[in-house]
């Protein structure tokens, strides 16, 4: 599929959780101190949208049951049960545009 524009740099401010849909797949895009990261938006525990959770540092916490994932690599950081990591996507910034490669 290639690069898909998901917004402008000014739209994705540091600490903001932005949900985008690309071909029916929900992806969470975030800006961590000027670096952009993209992971699956759907929690692998019960299917909640992670963009409705909260972020602290590079950790996003699911608003439903508190599962915590690292936005930089998609890895599960904390949860009482072992669940799958999130899929990750490459983010490219060109001029003022933010793209996700899928």
N, C-alpha and C. Protein backbone atom coordinates (compact mmCIF):
# COMPACT_ATOMS: atom_id res chain seq x y z
N UNK A 1 0.82 -1.19 0.00
CA UNK A 1 0.00 0.00 0.00
C UNK A 1 0.87 1.25 0.00
N UNK A 2 1.92 1.32 0.80
CA UNK A 2 2.80 2.47 0.79
C UNK A 2 2.54 3.46 1.89
N UNK A 3 2.89 4.72 1.62
CA UNK A 3 2.75 5.79 2.61
C UNK A 3 1.37 6.42 2.51
N UNK A 4 0.74 6.58 3.67
CA UNK A 4 -0.57 7.22 3.75
C UNK A 4 -0.45 8.44 4.66
N UNK A 5 -0.89 9.60 4.18
CA UNK A 5 -0.84 10.79 5.01
C UNK A 5 -1.89 10.67 6.12
N UNK A 6 -1.46 10.97 7.35
CA UNK A 6 -2.36 10.84 8.50
C UNK A 6 -2.59 12.18 9.20
N UNK A 7 -1.88 13.21 8.80
CA UNK A 7 -2.10 14.52 9.41
C UNK A 7 -0.91 15.43 9.21
N UNK A 8 -1.04 16.58 9.81
CA UNK A 8 0.02 17.58 9.81
C UNK A 8 0.77 17.52 11.13
N UNK A 9 2.02 17.93 11.12
CA UNK A 9 2.82 17.98 12.36
C UNK A 9 2.08 18.79 13.42
N UNK A 10 1.48 19.89 13.01
CA UNK A 10 0.77 20.75 13.97
C UNK A 10 -0.48 20.09 14.55
N UNK A 11 -1.02 19.05 13.89
CA UNK A 11 -2.20 18.33 14.40
C UNK A 11 -1.85 17.30 15.46
N UNK A 12 -0.63 16.77 15.37
CA UNK A 12 -0.23 15.68 16.26
C UNK A 12 0.80 16.24 17.23
N UNK A 13 0.32 16.92 18.24
CA UNK A 13 1.17 17.58 19.21
C UNK A 13 1.72 16.57 20.23
N UNK A 14 2.82 16.89 20.90
CA UNK A 14 3.40 15.96 21.88
C UNK A 14 2.37 15.51 22.92
N UNK A 15 2.32 14.20 23.12
CA UNK A 15 1.44 13.61 24.11
C UNK A 15 0.02 13.37 23.65
N UNK A 16 -0.32 13.76 22.42
CA UNK A 16 -1.66 13.56 21.89
C UNK A 16 -1.78 12.16 21.29
N UNK A 17 -2.91 11.51 21.53
CA UNK A 17 -3.19 10.19 20.96
C UNK A 17 -4.14 10.37 19.79
N UNK A 18 -3.67 10.12 18.57
CA UNK A 18 -4.47 10.32 17.36
C UNK A 18 -4.82 8.98 16.73
N UNK A 19 -6.09 8.75 16.57
CA UNK A 19 -6.56 7.52 15.92
C UNK A 19 -6.83 7.82 14.46
N UNK A 20 -6.27 6.98 13.58
CA UNK A 20 -6.53 7.08 12.15
C UNK A 20 -6.96 5.70 11.65
N UNK A 21 -7.77 5.69 10.62
CA UNK A 21 -8.19 4.42 10.01
C UNK A 21 -7.62 4.34 8.60
N UNK A 22 -6.94 3.25 8.34
CA UNK A 22 -6.35 3.02 7.03
C UNK A 22 -6.84 1.66 6.54
N UNK A 23 -7.63 1.67 5.49
CA UNK A 23 -8.22 0.44 4.94
C UNK A 23 -8.89 -0.41 6.02
N UNK A 24 -9.66 0.23 6.88
CA UNK A 24 -10.39 -0.48 7.92
C UNK A 24 -9.59 -0.86 9.14
N UNK A 25 -8.31 -0.52 9.17
CA UNK A 25 -7.46 -0.83 10.31
C UNK A 25 -7.24 0.44 11.11
N UNK A 26 -7.53 0.37 12.42
CA UNK A 26 -7.34 1.52 13.29
C UNK A 26 -5.92 1.55 13.82
N UNK A 27 -5.27 2.70 13.66
CA UNK A 27 -3.87 2.88 14.05
C UNK A 27 -3.77 4.10 14.96
N UNK A 28 -2.98 3.96 16.01
CA UNK A 28 -2.72 5.04 16.95
C UNK A 28 -1.41 5.71 16.57
N UNK A 29 -1.44 7.02 16.35
CA UNK A 29 -0.25 7.79 16.03
C UNK A 29 -0.02 8.76 17.17
N UNK A 30 1.21 8.83 17.63
CA UNK A 30 1.53 9.75 18.72
C UNK A 30 2.88 10.42 18.48
N UNK A 31 3.03 11.58 19.10
CA UNK A 31 4.25 12.37 19.02
C UNK A 31 4.88 12.34 20.41
N UNK A 32 6.04 11.73 20.51
CA UNK A 32 6.77 11.66 21.77
C UNK A 32 8.00 12.54 21.66
N UNK A 33 7.87 13.76 22.16
CA UNK A 33 8.98 14.72 22.14
C UNK A 33 9.57 14.92 20.75
N UNK A 34 8.70 15.06 19.76
CA UNK A 34 9.15 15.33 18.39
C UNK A 34 9.39 14.12 17.53
N UNK A 35 9.32 12.91 18.10
CA UNK A 35 9.42 11.68 17.33
C UNK A 35 8.03 11.08 17.22
N UNK A 36 7.69 10.61 16.02
CA UNK A 36 6.36 10.07 15.77
C UNK A 36 6.39 8.55 15.72
N UNK A 37 5.37 7.94 16.32
CA UNK A 37 5.27 6.48 16.37
C UNK A 37 3.84 6.07 16.03
N UNK A 38 3.70 4.88 15.46
CA UNK A 38 2.38 4.35 15.12
C UNK A 38 2.31 2.88 15.52
N UNK A 39 1.22 2.54 16.21
CA UNK A 39 0.96 1.16 16.64
C UNK A 39 -0.51 0.87 16.40
N UNK A 40 -0.89 -0.40 16.50
CA UNK A 40 -2.30 -0.75 16.42
C UNK A 40 -3.07 0.00 17.50
N UNK A 41 -4.24 0.50 17.18
CA UNK A 41 -5.05 1.24 18.16
C UNK A 41 -5.88 0.31 19.03
N UNK A 42 -6.03 -0.93 18.64
CA UNK A 42 -6.91 -1.85 19.35
C UNK A 42 -6.14 -2.65 20.39
N UNK A 43 -6.55 -2.53 21.66
CA UNK A 43 -5.92 -3.29 22.75
C UNK A 43 -6.10 -4.79 22.48
N UNK A 44 -5.04 -5.54 22.67
CA UNK A 44 -5.09 -6.98 22.39
C UNK A 44 -5.77 -7.77 23.50
N UNK A 45 -6.20 -7.11 24.56
CA UNK A 45 -6.92 -7.79 25.64
C UNK A 45 -8.40 -7.91 25.33
N UNK A 46 -9.09 -6.77 25.20
CA UNK A 46 -10.55 -6.83 25.01
C UNK A 46 -11.04 -5.93 23.89
N UNK A 47 -10.14 -5.40 23.08
CA UNK A 47 -10.54 -4.66 21.90
C UNK A 47 -10.84 -3.18 22.07
N UNK A 48 -10.47 -2.60 23.19
CA UNK A 48 -10.71 -1.16 23.40
C UNK A 48 -9.82 -0.33 22.49
N UNK A 49 -10.25 0.87 22.21
CA UNK A 49 -9.45 1.82 21.44
C UNK A 49 -8.44 2.47 22.37
N UNK A 50 -7.16 2.27 22.09
CA UNK A 50 -6.12 2.83 22.93
C UNK A 50 -6.06 4.36 22.84
N UNK A 51 -6.56 4.93 21.76
CA UNK A 51 -6.57 6.38 21.63
C UNK A 51 -7.50 7.03 22.66
N UNK A 52 -8.36 6.24 23.28
CA UNK A 52 -9.25 6.74 24.33
C UNK A 52 -8.63 6.56 25.72
N UNK A 53 -7.41 6.02 25.76
CA UNK A 53 -6.70 5.83 27.02
C UNK A 53 -5.88 7.06 27.36
N UNK A 54 -4.79 6.82 28.08
CA UNK A 54 -3.91 7.94 28.44
C UNK A 54 -2.47 7.55 28.15
N UNK A 55 -1.64 8.57 28.00
CA UNK A 55 -0.22 8.32 27.73
C UNK A 55 0.62 9.03 28.77
N UNK A 56 1.66 8.33 29.20
CA UNK A 56 2.64 8.89 30.12
C UNK A 56 4.00 8.42 29.65
N UNK A 57 4.86 9.37 29.30
CA UNK A 57 6.14 9.00 28.70
C UNK A 57 5.86 8.32 27.37
N UNK A 58 6.39 7.13 27.17
CA UNK A 58 6.12 6.38 25.94
C UNK A 58 5.12 5.25 26.16
N UNK A 59 4.44 5.25 27.31
CA UNK A 59 3.51 4.18 27.66
C UNK A 59 2.07 4.64 27.51
N UNK A 60 1.30 3.90 26.70
CA UNK A 60 -0.13 4.16 26.58
C UNK A 60 -0.86 3.14 27.44
N UNK A 61 -1.84 3.63 28.21
CA UNK A 61 -2.62 2.77 29.10
C UNK A 61 -4.04 2.68 28.57
N UNK A 62 -4.51 1.45 28.39
CA UNK A 62 -5.87 1.20 27.92
C UNK A 62 -6.87 1.68 28.97
N UNK A 63 -7.87 2.40 28.51
CA UNK A 63 -8.88 2.94 29.41
C UNK A 63 -9.85 1.91 29.97
N UNK A 64 -9.92 0.73 29.39
CA UNK A 64 -10.86 -0.29 29.87
C UNK A 64 -10.32 -1.06 31.06
N UNK A 65 -9.17 -1.70 30.90
CA UNK A 65 -8.67 -2.61 31.95
C UNK A 65 -7.23 -2.33 32.36
N UNK A 66 -6.64 -1.26 31.85
CA UNK A 66 -5.33 -0.83 32.33
C UNK A 66 -4.12 -1.50 31.70
N UNK A 67 -4.29 -2.25 30.61
CA UNK A 67 -3.12 -2.82 29.94
C UNK A 67 -2.23 -1.68 29.47
N UNK A 68 -0.91 -1.86 29.59
CA UNK A 68 0.04 -0.81 29.21
C UNK A 68 0.96 -1.32 28.11
N UNK A 69 1.12 -0.49 27.08
CA UNK A 69 1.94 -0.82 25.94
C UNK A 69 2.93 0.31 25.67
N UNK A 70 4.11 -0.04 25.15
CA UNK A 70 5.11 0.93 24.75
C UNK A 70 4.78 1.38 23.33
N UNK A 71 4.58 2.68 23.15
CA UNK A 71 4.24 3.22 21.83
C UNK A 71 5.40 3.17 20.84
N UNK A 72 6.61 3.04 21.34
CA UNK A 72 7.77 3.02 20.45
C UNK A 72 7.95 1.68 19.76
N UNK A 73 7.62 0.58 20.46
CA UNK A 73 7.86 -0.75 19.88
C UNK A 73 6.65 -1.67 19.95
N UNK A 74 5.54 -1.22 20.54
CA UNK A 74 4.33 -2.02 20.62
C UNK A 74 4.32 -3.08 21.70
N UNK A 75 5.40 -3.19 22.46
CA UNK A 75 5.50 -4.26 23.46
C UNK A 75 4.60 -4.02 24.66
N UNK A 76 4.00 -5.10 25.15
CA UNK A 76 3.23 -5.06 26.38
C UNK A 76 4.18 -4.76 27.52
N UNK A 77 3.85 -3.77 28.34
CA UNK A 77 4.71 -3.43 29.48
C UNK A 77 4.14 -3.91 30.80
N UNK A 78 2.81 -3.91 30.93
CA UNK A 78 2.23 -4.30 32.20
C UNK A 78 0.78 -4.71 32.03
N UNK A 79 0.46 -5.89 32.55
CA UNK A 79 -0.91 -6.39 32.59
C UNK A 79 -0.87 -7.71 33.37
N UNK A 80 -1.93 -8.02 34.10
CA UNK A 80 -1.90 -9.26 34.90
C UNK A 80 -1.80 -10.54 34.07
N UNK A 81 -2.29 -10.51 32.83
CA UNK A 81 -2.24 -11.70 31.97
C UNK A 81 -1.33 -11.41 30.78
N UNK A 82 -0.78 -12.45 30.19
CA UNK A 82 0.06 -12.30 29.00
C UNK A 82 -0.86 -12.13 27.79
N UNK A 83 -0.72 -11.00 27.11
CA UNK A 83 -1.47 -10.75 25.89
C UNK A 83 -0.49 -10.35 24.80
N UNK A 84 -0.98 -10.33 23.56
CA UNK A 84 -0.11 -10.03 22.42
C UNK A 84 0.36 -8.58 22.43
N UNK A 85 1.54 -8.37 21.89
CA UNK A 85 2.06 -7.03 21.66
C UNK A 85 1.25 -6.38 20.53
N UNK A 86 1.40 -5.10 20.37
CA UNK A 86 0.74 -4.37 19.29
C UNK A 86 1.60 -4.40 18.03
N UNK A 87 0.96 -4.36 16.88
CA UNK A 87 1.69 -4.20 15.64
C UNK A 87 2.21 -2.78 15.55
N UNK A 88 3.34 -2.59 14.88
CA UNK A 88 3.93 -1.26 14.74
C UNK A 88 4.04 -0.89 13.26
N UNK A 89 4.14 0.40 13.01
CA UNK A 89 4.22 0.91 11.65
C UNK A 89 5.26 2.02 11.60
N UNK A 90 5.92 2.12 10.47
CA UNK A 90 6.93 3.16 10.29
C UNK A 90 6.22 4.49 10.02
N UNK A 91 6.73 5.55 10.65
CA UNK A 91 6.20 6.90 10.46
C UNK A 91 7.27 7.74 9.77
N UNK A 92 6.85 8.49 8.77
CA UNK A 92 7.76 9.36 8.02
C UNK A 92 7.18 10.77 8.05
N UNK A 93 8.03 11.75 8.35
CA UNK A 93 7.62 13.15 8.32
C UNK A 93 8.32 13.81 7.14
N UNK A 94 7.53 14.41 6.27
CA UNK A 94 8.06 15.14 5.11
C UNK A 94 7.45 16.53 5.13
N UNK A 95 8.29 17.51 5.29
CA UNK A 95 7.85 18.90 5.42
C UNK A 95 6.93 18.98 6.64
N UNK A 96 5.66 19.30 6.46
CA UNK A 96 4.72 19.41 7.57
C UNK A 96 3.74 18.24 7.61
N UNK A 97 3.96 17.23 6.76
CA UNK A 97 3.04 16.09 6.66
C UNK A 97 3.58 14.87 7.39
N UNK A 98 2.66 14.17 8.08
CA UNK A 98 3.00 12.94 8.78
C UNK A 98 2.37 11.78 8.02
N UNK A 99 3.20 10.80 7.65
CA UNK A 99 2.76 9.62 6.91
C UNK A 99 3.00 8.36 7.74
N UNK A 100 2.13 7.37 7.55
CA UNK A 100 2.34 6.05 8.11
C UNK A 100 2.51 5.09 6.94
N UNK A 101 3.52 4.23 7.03
CA UNK A 101 3.75 3.21 6.00
C UNK A 101 3.06 1.92 6.42
N UNK A 102 2.16 1.46 5.55
CA UNK A 102 1.45 0.21 5.83
C UNK A 102 1.62 -0.76 4.68
